[in-house]
Amino acid sequence: MIYYLFVINVITFAAFGLDKRKAKKRRFRIRESTLFGLALIGGSLGAMAGMFLFHHKTRKPAFRIGIPVLFLLQGVIWILIAGI
């Protein structure tokens, strides 16, 4: 499971960086639902890192609030699963 989380977070981080680059060049963009979906399936840490490192989607409340909340919820779920 650790490998899965590592890979999905790297992919999510890269997706945020790629979307930011495409936005600057006014190219075809990655859908917001795709970015959120990647965060939802375990890439919330990569999404937060991408948001703040690339300064991408930080003005949108759905991302600015939603991604950190999703990260906290996923953390609680992991704690419950691990039995800590």
C-alpha atoms as a PDB file:
ATOM      1  CA  MET A   1       0.000   0.000   0.000  1.00  0.00           C
ATOM      2  CA  ILE A   2       2.915   2.340   0.673  1.00  0.00           C
ATOM      3  CA  TYR A   3       4.095   1.900  -2.927  1.00  0.00           C
ATOM      4  CA  TYR A   4       0.623   2.694  -4.234  1.00  0.00           C
ATOM      5  CA  LEU A   5       0.452   5.895  -2.178  1.00  0.00           C
ATOM      6  CA  PHE A   6       3.908   6.930  -3.329  1.00  0.00           C
ATOM      7  CA  VAL A   7       3.078   6.380  -7.004  1.00  0.00           C
ATOM      8  CA  ILE A   8      -0.364   8.048  -6.908  1.00  0.00           C
ATOM      9  CA  ASN A   9       1.053  11.078  -5.094  1.00  0.00           C
ATOM     10  CA  VAL A  10       3.891  11.448  -7.610  1.00  0.00           C
ATOM     11  CA  ILE A  11       1.372  11.189 -10.469  1.00  0.00           C
ATOM     12  CA  THR A  12      -0.943  13.741  -8.825  1.00  0.00           C
ATOM     13  CA  PHE A  13       1.920  16.144  -8.151  1.00  0.00           C
ATOM     14  CA  ALA A  14       3.050  15.832 -11.774  1.00  0.00           C
ATOM     15  CA  ALA A  15      -0.512  16.396 -13.023  1.00  0.00           C
ATOM     16  CA  PHE A  16      -0.741  19.679 -11.104  1.00  0.00           C
ATOM     17  CA  GLY A  17       2.619  20.781 -12.506  1.00  0.00           C
ATOM     18  CA  LEU A  18       1.661  19.803 -16.047  1.00  0.00           C
ATOM     19  CA  ASP A  19      -1.685  21.583 -15.798  1.00  0.00           C
ATOM     20  CA  LYS A  20       0.021  24.732 -14.545  1.00  0.00           C
ATOM     21  CA  ARG A  21       2.465  24.630 -17.435  1.00  0.00           C
ATOM     22  CA  LYS A  22      -0.378  24.125 -19.900  1.00  0.00           C
ATOM     23  CA  ALA A  23      -2.262  27.027 -18.334  1.00  0.00           C
ATOM     24  CA  LYS A  24       0.693  29.357 -18.830  1.00  0.00           C
ATOM     25  CA  LYS A  25       0.986  28.307 -22.484  1.00  0.00           C
ATOM     26  CA  ARG A  26      -2.787  28.485 -23.017  1.00  0.00           C
ATOM     27  CA  ARG A  27      -2.924  24.837 -24.089  1.00  0.00           C
ATOM     28  CA  PHE A  28      -5.516  22.122 -23.554  1.00  0.00           C
ATOM     29  CA  ARG A  29      -5.858  21.635 -19.778  1.00  0.00           C
ATOM     30  CA  ILE A  30      -6.369  18.735 -17.414  1.00  0.00           C
ATOM     31  CA  ARG A  31      -9.948  18.708 -16.115  1.00  0.00           C
ATOM     32  CA  GLU A  32     -10.475  19.839 -12.539  1.00  0.00           C
ATOM     33  CA  SER A  33     -12.460  16.656 -11.936  1.00  0.00           C
ATOM     34  CA  THR A  34      -9.394  14.631 -12.942  1.00  0.00           C
ATOM     35  CA  LEU A  35      -7.152  16.569 -10.570  1.00  0.00           C
ATOM     36  CA  PHE A  36      -9.659  16.142  -7.758  1.00  0.00           C
ATOM     37  CA  GLY A  37     -10.142  12.470  -8.640  1.00  0.00           C
ATOM     38  CA  LEU A  38      -6.423  11.813  -8.347  1.00  0.00           C
ATOM     39  CA  ALA A  39      -6.451  13.432  -4.911  1.00  0.00           C
ATOM     40  CA  LEU A  40      -9.497  11.398  -3.936  1.00  0.00           C
ATOM     41  CA  ILE A  41      -7.903   8.039  -4.756  1.00  0.00           C
ATOM     42  CA  GLY A  42      -4.979   8.730  -2.451  1.00  0.00           C
ATOM     43  CA  GLY A  43      -3.021  11.574  -4.027  1.00  0.00           C
ATOM     44  CA  SER A  44      -4.092  14.343  -1.668  1.00  0.00           C
ATOM     45  CA  LEU A  45      -0.564  14.953  -0.369  1.00  0.00           C
ATOM     46  CA  GLY A  46       0.760  15.235  -3.934  1.00  0.00           C
ATOM     47  CA  ALA A  47      -2.137  17.563  -4.766  1.00  0.00           C
ATOM     48  CA  MET A  48      -1.368  19.859  -1.825  1.00  0.00           C
ATOM     49  CA  ALA A  49       2.320  19.884  -2.659  1.00  0.00           C
ATOM     50  CA  GLY A  50       1.558  20.642  -6.311  1.00  0.00           C
ATOM     51  CA  MET A  51      -0.910  23.369  -5.422  1.00  0.00           C
ATOM     52  CA  PHE A  52       1.519  25.230  -3.244  1.00  0.00           C
ATOM     53  CA  LEU A  53       4.754  24.568  -5.114  1.00  0.00           C
ATOM     54  CA  PHE A  54       3.298  25.492  -8.513  1.00  0.00           C
ATOM     55  CA  HIS A  55       0.851  28.090  -7.094  1.00  0.00           C
ATOM     56  CA  HIS A  56      -1.897  26.295  -8.982  1.00  0.00           C
ATOM     57  CA  LYS A  57      -5.610  26.202  -8.100  1.00  0.00           C
ATOM     58  CA  THR A  58      -4.940  28.042  -4.834  1.00  0.00           C
ATOM     59  CA  ARG A  59      -7.614  30.666  -5.515  1.00  0.00           C
ATOM     60  CA  LYS A  60     -10.383  28.137  -6.076  1.00  0.00           C
ATOM     61  CA  PRO A  61     -12.190  27.388  -2.794  1.00  0.00           C
ATOM     62  CA  ALA A  62     -12.986  23.831  -3.876  1.00  0.00           C
ATOM     63  CA  PHE A  63      -9.255  23.150  -4.065  1.00  0.00           C
ATOM     64  CA  ARG A  64      -7.982  25.521  -1.362  1.00  0.00           C
ATOM     65  CA  ILE A  65     -10.358  24.004   1.212  1.00  0.00           C
ATOM     66  CA  GLY A  66     -11.272  20.659  -0.326  1.00  0.00           C
ATOM     67  CA  ILE A  67      -7.810  19.193  -0.826  1.00  0.00           C
ATOM     68  CA  PRO A  68      -6.588  19.816   2.770  1.00  0.00           C
ATOM     69  CA  VAL A  69      -9.880  18.448   4.145  1.00  0.00           C
ATOM     70  CA  LEU A  70      -9.499  15.388   1.924  1.00  0.00           C
ATOM     71  CA  PHE A  71      -5.931  14.959   3.160  1.00  0.00           C
ATOM     72  CA  LEU A  72      -7.076  15.068   6.795  1.00  0.00           C
ATOM     73  CA  LEU A  73      -9.888  12.591   6.132  1.00  0.00           C
ATOM     74  CA  GLN A  74      -7.515  10.211   4.407  1.00  0.00           C
ATOM     75  CA  GLY A  75      -5.128  10.538   7.350  1.00  0.00           C
ATOM     76  CA  VAL A  76      -7.894   9.635   9.797  1.00  0.00           C
ATOM     77  CA  ILE A  77      -8.848   6.638   7.662  1.00  0.00           C
ATOM     78  CA  TRP A  78      -5.233   5.457   7.593  1.00  0.00           C
ATOM     79  CA  ILE A  79      -4.976   5.808  11.365  1.00  0.00           C
ATOM     80  CA  LEU A  80      -8.160   3.782  11.818  1.00  0.00           C
ATOM     81  CA  ILE A  81      -6.982   1.104   9.403  1.00  0.00           C
ATOM     82  CA  ALA A  82      -3.558   0.862  11.020  1.00  0.00           C
ATOM     83  CA  GLY A  83      -5.166   0.658  14.458  1.00  0.00           C
ATOM     84  CA  ILE A  84      -2.935   3.320  15.962  1.00  0.00           C
END
